[in-house]
């Protein structure tokens, strides 16, 4: 089975050479080892030396010199807005207090669609809109899984299976 042993950040690999795309939801983009299949039906093993968060636009370098592009899959989300920037900050505080993953912008917050959190936010005066979009929340302050450089292959060529990580 082909293996992808290196991840290159968006813009640092020849994206026009991609022979397929793997679309992954946010939770599925934090991996080290996992059997995947591209949109063209090509199976391959993601086999990295350590778990990383795959980002939309990253490139997976395959053993045979080929490339697979990573795409952030669309997910059911809630778009949270408020009457003022101060109110939006207050809503962000309540989400953070509950450790809710959130993608934060100046005029909105995106979170996963959750009816309990939606009811709480509605009670706090938020305006909510359901939508489908890629989800890339803020990473924690102590998160070391960003990848400013390619993740190099490791020496373990003998292990072909195992549990996905």
N, C-alpha and C. Protein backbone atom coordinates (compact mmCIF):
# COMPACT_ATOMS: atom_id res chain seq x y z
N UNK A 1 0.85 -1.18 0.00
CA UNK A 1 0.00 0.00 0.00
C UNK A 1 0.89 1.24 0.00
N UNK A 2 0.49 2.22 -0.78
CA UNK A 2 1.21 3.49 -0.78
C UNK A 2 1.15 4.15 0.59
N UNK A 3 2.21 4.85 0.92
CA UNK A 3 2.24 5.58 2.18
C UNK A 3 2.50 7.06 1.93
N UNK A 4 1.87 7.88 2.77
CA UNK A 4 2.15 9.31 2.81
C UNK A 4 2.92 9.54 4.09
N UNK A 5 4.20 9.87 3.95
CA UNK A 5 5.07 10.00 5.11
C UNK A 5 5.44 11.45 5.42
N UNK A 6 5.09 12.36 4.54
CA UNK A 6 5.41 13.77 4.75
C UNK A 6 4.19 14.63 4.46
N UNK A 7 4.03 15.67 5.27
CA UNK A 7 2.99 16.66 5.06
C UNK A 7 3.68 17.98 4.76
N UNK A 8 3.26 18.60 3.67
CA UNK A 8 3.79 19.92 3.30
C UNK A 8 2.67 20.94 3.43
N UNK A 9 2.95 22.08 4.05
CA UNK A 9 1.91 23.10 4.21
C UNK A 9 1.45 23.65 2.86
N UNK A 10 0.24 24.15 2.86
CA UNK A 10 -0.31 24.79 1.66
C UNK A 10 0.69 25.81 1.14
N UNK A 11 0.94 25.79 -0.16
CA UNK A 11 1.88 26.72 -0.78
C UNK A 11 3.30 26.22 -0.84
N UNK A 12 3.60 25.12 -0.15
CA UNK A 12 4.98 24.60 -0.12
C UNK A 12 5.12 23.28 -0.86
N UNK A 13 4.14 22.96 -1.70
CA UNK A 13 4.18 21.74 -2.49
C UNK A 13 3.50 22.02 -3.83
N UNK A 14 3.77 21.22 -4.86
CA UNK A 14 3.21 21.50 -6.20
C UNK A 14 1.75 21.06 -6.30
N UNK A 15 0.83 21.89 -5.83
CA UNK A 15 -0.59 21.50 -5.74
C UNK A 15 -1.19 21.13 -7.09
N UNK A 16 -0.65 21.63 -8.18
CA UNK A 16 -1.18 21.25 -9.50
C UNK A 16 -0.84 19.80 -9.83
N UNK A 17 0.11 19.20 -9.09
CA UNK A 17 0.49 17.81 -9.32
C UNK A 17 -0.36 16.83 -8.52
N UNK A 18 -1.30 17.31 -7.73
CA UNK A 18 -2.12 16.41 -6.91
C UNK A 18 -2.93 15.47 -7.80
N UNK A 19 -2.88 14.20 -7.48
CA UNK A 19 -3.65 13.24 -8.26
C UNK A 19 -4.93 12.83 -7.55
N UNK A 20 -5.21 13.49 -6.47
CA UNK A 20 -6.44 13.23 -5.74
C UNK A 20 -6.53 14.15 -4.54
N UNK A 21 -7.69 14.10 -3.91
CA UNK A 21 -7.97 14.91 -2.72
C UNK A 21 -8.54 13.99 -1.66
N UNK A 22 -8.15 14.23 -0.41
CA UNK A 22 -8.79 13.56 0.71
C UNK A 22 -9.47 14.64 1.54
N UNK A 23 -10.80 14.55 1.65
CA UNK A 23 -11.59 15.53 2.40
C UNK A 23 -11.86 14.98 3.79
N UNK A 24 -11.47 15.75 4.80
CA UNK A 24 -11.57 15.29 6.19
C UNK A 24 -12.23 16.34 7.06
N UNK A 25 -13.11 15.89 7.95
CA UNK A 25 -13.70 16.77 8.96
C UNK A 25 -12.61 17.16 9.95
N UNK A 26 -12.88 18.19 10.75
CA UNK A 26 -11.88 18.69 11.68
C UNK A 26 -11.31 17.60 12.58
N UNK A 27 -12.17 16.82 13.22
CA UNK A 27 -11.68 15.78 14.13
C UNK A 27 -10.82 14.74 13.42
N UNK A 28 -11.05 14.53 12.14
CA UNK A 28 -10.29 13.55 11.38
C UNK A 28 -8.98 14.10 10.83
N UNK A 29 -8.75 15.39 10.99
CA UNK A 29 -7.51 15.99 10.47
C UNK A 29 -6.37 16.00 11.49
N UNK A 30 -6.57 15.47 12.68
CA UNK A 30 -5.48 15.37 13.67
C UNK A 30 -5.10 13.89 13.76
N UNK A 31 -4.10 13.52 12.99
CA UNK A 31 -3.75 12.10 12.84
C UNK A 31 -2.25 11.90 12.76
N UNK A 32 -1.87 10.65 12.97
CA UNK A 32 -0.50 10.22 12.73
C UNK A 32 -0.51 9.06 11.73
N UNK A 33 -1.37 8.10 11.98
CA UNK A 33 -1.39 6.89 11.16
C UNK A 33 -2.84 6.49 10.92
N UNK A 34 -3.20 6.42 9.63
CA UNK A 34 -4.59 6.12 9.32
C UNK A 34 -4.71 5.72 7.86
N UNK A 35 -5.48 4.68 7.59
CA UNK A 35 -5.74 4.28 6.21
C UNK A 35 -6.79 5.22 5.64
N UNK A 36 -6.48 5.84 4.50
CA UNK A 36 -7.36 6.81 3.86
C UNK A 36 -7.60 6.42 2.42
N UNK A 37 -8.58 7.10 1.82
CA UNK A 37 -8.85 6.90 0.40
C UNK A 37 -9.12 8.27 -0.22
N UNK A 38 -8.51 8.51 -1.37
CA UNK A 38 -8.71 9.79 -2.06
C UNK A 38 -10.07 9.81 -2.73
N UNK A 39 -10.45 10.97 -3.22
CA UNK A 39 -11.71 11.12 -3.94
C UNK A 39 -11.74 10.31 -5.23
N UNK A 40 -10.61 9.86 -5.67
CA UNK A 40 -10.52 9.03 -6.89
C UNK A 40 -10.42 7.55 -6.57
N UNK A 41 -10.60 7.20 -5.29
CA UNK A 41 -10.61 5.79 -4.89
C UNK A 41 -9.25 5.18 -4.63
N UNK A 42 -8.21 6.00 -4.57
CA UNK A 42 -6.87 5.48 -4.32
C UNK A 42 -6.63 5.37 -2.82
N UNK A 43 -6.40 4.14 -2.36
CA UNK A 43 -6.13 3.91 -0.94
C UNK A 43 -4.66 4.20 -0.64
N UNK A 44 -4.41 4.77 0.54
CA UNK A 44 -3.04 5.01 0.98
C UNK A 44 -3.03 5.06 2.50
N UNK A 45 -1.85 4.90 3.06
CA UNK A 45 -1.68 4.94 4.50
C UNK A 45 -0.99 6.23 4.89
N UNK A 46 -1.66 7.04 5.69
CA UNK A 46 -1.01 8.20 6.30
C UNK A 46 -0.11 7.62 7.38
N UNK A 47 1.18 7.87 7.30
CA UNK A 47 2.16 7.23 8.18
C UNK A 47 3.21 8.26 8.58
N UNK A 48 2.85 9.10 9.54
CA UNK A 48 3.72 10.20 9.96
C UNK A 48 4.47 9.85 11.24
N UNK A 49 5.62 10.47 11.48
CA UNK A 49 6.37 10.20 12.71
C UNK A 49 5.66 10.69 13.96
N UNK A 50 4.78 11.68 13.82
CA UNK A 50 4.02 12.18 14.96
C UNK A 50 2.70 12.73 14.45
N UNK A 51 1.72 12.80 15.33
CA UNK A 51 0.41 13.33 14.95
C UNK A 51 0.53 14.82 14.65
N UNK A 52 -0.14 15.25 13.61
CA UNK A 52 -0.20 16.67 13.25
C UNK A 52 -1.64 17.01 12.91
N UNK A 53 -1.94 18.29 12.88
CA UNK A 53 -3.24 18.74 12.42
C UNK A 53 -3.09 19.08 10.94
N UNK A 54 -3.74 18.31 10.11
CA UNK A 54 -3.73 18.56 8.68
C UNK A 54 -4.62 19.76 8.39
N UNK A 55 -4.14 20.68 7.60
CA UNK A 55 -4.89 21.88 7.27
C UNK A 55 -5.37 21.83 5.82
N UNK A 56 -6.44 22.55 5.54
CA UNK A 56 -6.95 22.67 4.19
C UNK A 56 -5.84 23.19 3.29
N UNK A 57 -5.57 22.48 2.20
CA UNK A 57 -4.53 22.90 1.26
C UNK A 57 -3.18 22.24 1.47
N UNK A 58 -3.01 21.50 2.56
CA UNK A 58 -1.76 20.79 2.76
C UNK A 58 -1.60 19.71 1.69
N UNK A 59 -0.36 19.28 1.48
CA UNK A 59 -0.07 18.21 0.52
C UNK A 59 0.56 17.03 1.22
N UNK A 60 0.09 15.84 0.87
CA UNK A 60 0.65 14.60 1.40
C UNK A 60 1.54 14.00 0.31
N UNK A 61 2.83 13.85 0.62
CA UNK A 61 3.78 13.29 -0.32
C UNK A 61 3.73 11.77 -0.22
N UNK A 62 3.43 11.12 -1.34
CA UNK A 62 3.35 9.66 -1.38
C UNK A 62 4.70 9.04 -1.70
N UNK A 63 4.88 7.78 -1.31
CA UNK A 63 6.13 7.05 -1.55
C UNK A 63 6.56 7.04 -3.01
N UNK A 64 5.61 7.00 -3.92
CA UNK A 64 5.94 6.88 -5.33
C UNK A 64 6.19 8.23 -6.01
N UNK A 65 6.24 9.32 -5.21
CA UNK A 65 6.49 10.64 -5.76
C UNK A 65 5.22 11.42 -6.06
N UNK A 66 4.06 10.81 -5.88
CA UNK A 66 2.79 11.49 -6.13
C UNK A 66 2.36 12.33 -4.94
N UNK A 67 1.27 13.05 -5.15
CA UNK A 67 0.74 13.97 -4.13
C UNK A 67 -0.75 13.79 -3.97
N UNK A 68 -1.22 13.92 -2.74
CA UNK A 68 -2.65 13.97 -2.42
C UNK A 68 -2.87 15.28 -1.67
N UNK A 69 -3.89 16.02 -2.10
CA UNK A 69 -4.24 17.28 -1.44
C UNK A 69 -5.19 17.01 -0.28
N UNK A 70 -5.04 17.78 0.78
CA UNK A 70 -5.94 17.71 1.93
C UNK A 70 -6.98 18.82 1.78
N UNK A 71 -8.24 18.46 1.98
CA UNK A 71 -9.32 19.45 1.96
C UNK A 71 -10.10 19.34 3.27
N UNK A 72 -10.44 20.47 3.83
CA UNK A 72 -11.30 20.49 5.02
C UNK A 72 -12.73 20.24 4.55
N UNK A 73 -13.35 19.18 5.06
CA UNK A 73 -14.71 18.82 4.66
C UNK A 73 -15.72 19.79 5.26
N UNK A 74 -16.84 19.94 4.58
CA UNK A 74 -17.93 20.75 5.11
C UNK A 74 -18.58 20.02 6.27
N UNK A 75 -18.91 20.76 7.32
CA UNK A 75 -19.53 20.21 8.52
C UNK A 75 -20.70 21.09 8.94
N UNK A 76 -21.66 20.54 9.68
CA UNK A 76 -22.76 21.37 10.19
C UNK A 76 -22.25 22.29 11.30
N UNK A 77 -22.41 23.60 11.09
CA UNK A 77 -21.90 24.60 12.03
C UNK A 77 -23.00 25.58 12.41
N UNK A 78 -22.73 26.30 13.49
CA UNK A 78 -23.55 27.44 13.89
C UNK A 78 -22.71 28.69 13.73
N UNK A 79 -23.25 29.66 13.03
CA UNK A 79 -22.60 30.96 12.93
C UNK A 79 -23.23 31.84 14.01
N UNK A 80 -22.40 32.34 14.90
CA UNK A 80 -22.84 33.14 16.04
C UNK A 80 -22.47 34.59 15.77
N UNK A 81 -23.47 35.47 15.80
CA UNK A 81 -23.21 36.90 15.68
C UNK A 81 -23.94 37.60 16.81
N UNK A 82 -23.63 38.88 16.98
CA UNK A 82 -24.23 39.65 18.08
C UNK A 82 -24.47 41.08 17.62
N UNK A 83 -25.22 41.81 18.43
CA UNK A 83 -25.60 43.19 18.11
C UNK A 83 -24.41 44.14 18.15
N UNK A 84 -23.34 43.77 18.86
CA UNK A 84 -22.19 44.66 18.98
C UNK A 84 -20.92 43.83 19.19
N UNK A 85 -19.76 44.41 18.93
CA UNK A 85 -18.51 43.69 19.20
C UNK A 85 -18.37 43.29 20.67
N UNK A 86 -18.81 44.13 21.58
CA UNK A 86 -18.75 43.79 23.00
C UNK A 86 -19.60 42.59 23.34
N UNK A 87 -20.79 42.51 22.74
CA UNK A 87 -21.66 41.36 22.96
C UNK A 87 -21.05 40.09 22.38
N UNK A 88 -20.41 40.20 21.22
CA UNK A 88 -19.76 39.04 20.63
C UNK A 88 -18.62 38.55 21.53
N UNK A 89 -17.88 39.48 22.12
CA UNK A 89 -16.81 39.11 23.06
C UNK A 89 -17.39 38.38 24.27
N UNK A 90 -18.52 38.86 24.76
CA UNK A 90 -19.16 38.20 25.90
C UNK A 90 -19.58 36.78 25.53
N UNK A 91 -20.12 36.59 24.34
CA UNK A 91 -20.51 35.26 23.88
C UNK A 91 -19.28 34.36 23.74
N UNK A 92 -18.18 34.92 23.22
CA UNK A 92 -16.93 34.16 23.10
C UNK A 92 -16.45 33.71 24.47
N UNK A 93 -16.59 34.56 25.46
CA UNK A 93 -16.19 34.18 26.82
C UNK A 93 -17.01 32.98 27.30
N UNK A 94 -18.32 33.02 27.08
CA UNK A 94 -19.18 31.91 27.52
C UNK A 94 -18.82 30.61 26.79
N UNK A 95 -18.49 30.70 25.51
CA UNK A 95 -18.07 29.50 24.78
C UNK A 95 -16.74 28.98 25.31
N UNK A 96 -15.81 29.88 25.56
CA UNK A 96 -14.52 29.47 26.09
C UNK A 96 -14.64 28.87 27.48
N UNK A 97 -15.54 29.41 28.27
CA UNK A 97 -15.76 28.89 29.62
C UNK A 97 -16.26 27.45 29.59
N UNK A 98 -16.86 27.06 28.46
CA UNK A 98 -17.36 25.69 28.29
C UNK A 98 -16.43 24.86 27.41
N UNK A 99 -15.28 25.40 27.09
CA UNK A 99 -14.26 24.71 26.28
C UNK A 99 -14.82 24.26 24.94
N UNK A 100 -15.60 25.12 24.30
CA UNK A 100 -16.17 24.83 23.00
C UNK A 100 -15.18 25.24 21.92
N UNK A 101 -14.86 24.32 21.03
CA UNK A 101 -13.98 24.65 19.90
C UNK A 101 -14.68 25.71 19.06
N UNK A 102 -13.93 26.75 18.67
CA UNK A 102 -14.54 27.87 17.95
C UNK A 102 -13.54 28.49 16.97
N UNK A 103 -14.07 28.86 15.82
CA UNK A 103 -13.31 29.65 14.84
C UNK A 103 -13.79 31.09 15.01
N UNK A 104 -12.90 31.97 15.42
CA UNK A 104 -13.28 33.32 15.83
C UNK A 104 -12.83 34.33 14.78
N UNK A 105 -13.76 35.17 14.36
CA UNK A 105 -13.48 36.28 13.45
C UNK A 105 -13.98 37.56 14.11
N UNK A 106 -13.69 38.70 13.50
CA UNK A 106 -14.07 39.98 14.09
C UNK A 106 -15.58 40.13 14.23
N UNK A 107 -16.33 39.54 13.32
CA UNK A 107 -17.78 39.76 13.30
C UNK A 107 -18.62 38.51 13.53
N UNK A 108 -17.96 37.36 13.80
CA UNK A 108 -18.71 36.12 14.00
C UNK A 108 -17.85 35.07 14.66
N UNK A 109 -18.52 34.07 15.18
CA UNK A 109 -17.86 32.90 15.74
C UNK A 109 -18.53 31.68 15.11
N UNK A 110 -17.74 30.73 14.65
CA UNK A 110 -18.27 29.48 14.13
C UNK A 110 -18.00 28.38 15.15
N UNK A 111 -19.04 27.61 15.45
CA UNK A 111 -18.91 26.45 16.34
C UNK A 111 -19.65 25.29 15.69
N UNK A 112 -19.41 24.10 16.21
CA UNK A 112 -20.19 22.95 15.74
C UNK A 112 -21.64 23.13 16.14
N UNK A 113 -22.52 22.64 15.29
CA UNK A 113 -23.95 22.74 15.57
C UNK A 113 -24.29 21.82 16.74
N UNK A 114 -24.73 22.42 17.83
CA UNK A 114 -25.08 21.70 19.05
C UNK A 114 -26.32 22.37 19.63
N UNK A 115 -27.42 21.63 19.74
CA UNK A 115 -28.68 22.25 20.17
C UNK A 115 -28.62 22.80 21.60
N UNK A 116 -27.86 22.18 22.47
CA UNK A 116 -27.77 22.67 23.86
C UNK A 116 -27.02 24.00 23.89
N UNK A 117 -25.90 24.07 23.20
CA UNK A 117 -25.12 25.32 23.15
C UNK A 117 -25.91 26.40 22.40
N UNK A 118 -26.64 25.99 21.35
CA UNK A 118 -27.46 26.96 20.62
C UNK A 118 -28.51 27.58 21.54
N UNK A 119 -29.14 26.76 22.38
CA UNK A 119 -30.16 27.28 23.31
C UNK A 119 -29.52 28.24 24.31
N UNK A 120 -28.33 27.90 24.82
CA UNK A 120 -27.64 28.78 25.75
C UNK A 120 -27.32 30.12 25.08
N UNK A 121 -26.76 30.06 23.88
CA UNK A 121 -26.39 31.28 23.17
C UNK A 121 -27.62 32.13 22.84
N UNK A 122 -28.69 31.48 22.42
CA UNK A 122 -29.93 32.21 22.15
C UNK A 122 -30.43 32.92 23.39
N UNK A 123 -30.33 32.26 24.54
CA UNK A 123 -30.73 32.88 25.80
C UNK A 123 -29.85 34.05 26.19
N UNK A 124 -28.64 34.08 25.66
CA UNK A 124 -27.71 35.19 25.93
C UNK A 124 -27.83 36.31 24.89
N UNK A 125 -28.76 36.17 23.96
CA UNK A 125 -28.99 37.22 22.97
C UNK A 125 -28.26 37.06 21.65
N UNK A 126 -27.64 35.92 21.42
CA UNK A 126 -26.91 35.70 20.16
C UNK A 126 -27.88 35.54 19.00
N UNK A 127 -27.42 35.93 17.83
CA UNK A 127 -28.12 35.60 16.59
C UNK A 127 -27.41 34.39 16.02
N UNK A 128 -28.18 33.37 15.66
CA UNK A 128 -27.61 32.11 15.20
C UNK A 128 -28.09 31.78 13.80
N UNK A 129 -27.18 31.22 13.03
CA UNK A 129 -27.53 30.77 11.69
C UNK A 129 -26.83 29.45 11.44
N UNK A 130 -27.59 28.44 11.05
CA UNK A 130 -27.00 27.15 10.72
C UNK A 130 -26.41 27.22 9.32
N UNK A 131 -25.24 26.61 9.16
CA UNK A 131 -24.58 26.58 7.85
C UNK A 131 -23.66 25.38 7.76
N UNK A 132 -23.29 25.05 6.57
CA UNK A 132 -22.31 23.99 6.32
C UNK A 132 -21.06 24.66 5.77
N UNK A 133 -19.93 24.38 6.38
CA UNK A 133 -18.66 24.99 5.96
C UNK A 133 -17.52 24.17 6.56
N UNK A 134 -16.31 24.33 6.04
CA UNK A 134 -15.14 23.71 6.70
C UNK A 134 -14.97 24.33 8.08
N UNK A 135 -14.52 23.52 9.03
CA UNK A 135 -14.34 23.98 10.41
C UNK A 135 -12.88 23.88 10.79
N UNK A 136 -12.29 25.03 11.09
CA UNK A 136 -10.91 25.09 11.56
C UNK A 136 -10.88 26.02 12.76
N UNK A 137 -11.14 25.46 13.95
CA UNK A 137 -11.18 26.30 15.15
C UNK A 137 -9.79 26.76 15.58
N UNK A 138 -9.80 27.73 16.46
CA UNK A 138 -8.55 28.20 17.07
C UNK A 138 -7.90 27.03 17.79
N UNK A 139 -6.58 26.98 17.73
CA UNK A 139 -5.83 25.95 18.46
C UNK A 139 -5.51 26.51 19.84
N UNK A 140 -5.28 25.64 20.78
CA UNK A 140 -4.94 26.07 22.13
C UNK A 140 -3.61 26.79 22.18
N UNK A 141 -3.44 27.61 23.19
CA UNK A 141 -2.22 28.39 23.34
C UNK A 141 -0.98 27.51 23.50
N UNK A 142 -1.15 26.31 24.03
CA UNK A 142 -0.01 25.43 24.27
C UNK A 142 0.06 24.31 23.25
N UNK A 143 -0.67 24.43 22.16
CA UNK A 143 -0.71 23.39 21.14
C UNK A 143 0.57 23.46 20.32
N UNK A 144 1.29 22.37 20.26
CA UNK A 144 2.52 22.31 19.50
C UNK A 144 2.38 21.55 18.20
N UNK A 145 1.15 21.34 17.71
CA UNK A 145 0.97 20.48 16.54
C UNK A 145 0.95 21.24 15.22
N UNK A 146 1.17 22.55 15.23
CA UNK A 146 1.26 23.26 13.95
C UNK A 146 2.49 22.76 13.21
N UNK A 147 2.46 22.85 11.92
CA UNK A 147 3.61 22.33 11.17
C UNK A 147 4.18 23.37 10.22
N UNK A 148 5.16 24.17 10.69
CA UNK A 148 5.77 25.17 9.85
C UNK A 148 6.70 24.58 8.80
N UNK A 149 7.07 23.32 8.94
CA UNK A 149 7.96 22.66 8.00
C UNK A 149 7.43 21.26 7.73
N UNK A 150 7.87 20.63 6.64
CA UNK A 150 7.39 19.29 6.34
C UNK A 150 7.74 18.31 7.45
N UNK A 151 6.86 17.37 7.68
CA UNK A 151 7.14 16.31 8.62
C UNK A 151 7.80 15.18 7.86
N UNK A 152 9.02 14.87 8.25
CA UNK A 152 9.84 13.90 7.54
C UNK A 152 9.39 12.48 7.84
N UNK A 153 9.75 11.56 6.94
CA UNK A 153 9.41 10.16 7.18
C UNK A 153 10.23 9.60 8.33
N UNK A 154 9.76 8.48 8.86
CA UNK A 154 10.52 7.80 9.90
C UNK A 154 11.03 6.48 9.36
N UNK A 155 11.77 5.74 10.15
CA UNK A 155 12.45 4.54 9.68
C UNK A 155 11.64 3.27 9.77
N UNK A 156 10.45 3.28 10.29
CA UNK A 156 9.66 2.08 10.52
C UNK A 156 8.96 1.67 9.23
N UNK A 157 9.67 0.94 8.36
CA UNK A 157 9.09 0.51 7.08
C UNK A 157 8.40 -0.84 7.18
N UNK A 158 8.56 -1.53 8.30
CA UNK A 158 8.06 -2.90 8.40
C UNK A 158 6.62 -2.97 8.87
N UNK A 159 6.12 -1.99 9.56
CA UNK A 159 4.79 -2.07 10.14
C UNK A 159 3.76 -1.57 9.14
N UNK A 160 3.00 -2.47 8.54
CA UNK A 160 2.06 -2.11 7.49
C UNK A 160 0.63 -1.90 7.97
N UNK A 161 0.32 -2.38 9.13
CA UNK A 161 -1.07 -2.31 9.57
C UNK A 161 -1.18 -1.58 10.89
N UNK A 162 -1.89 -2.19 11.78
CA UNK A 162 -2.04 -1.59 13.09
C UNK A 162 -3.27 -0.72 13.16
N UNK A 163 -3.50 -0.25 14.34
CA UNK A 163 -4.67 0.59 14.56
C UNK A 163 -4.41 1.98 14.02
N UNK A 164 -5.42 2.58 13.41
CA UNK A 164 -5.27 3.98 13.01
C UNK A 164 -5.05 4.84 14.23
N UNK A 165 -4.19 5.83 14.09
CA UNK A 165 -3.94 6.73 15.22
C UNK A 165 -4.54 8.06 14.97
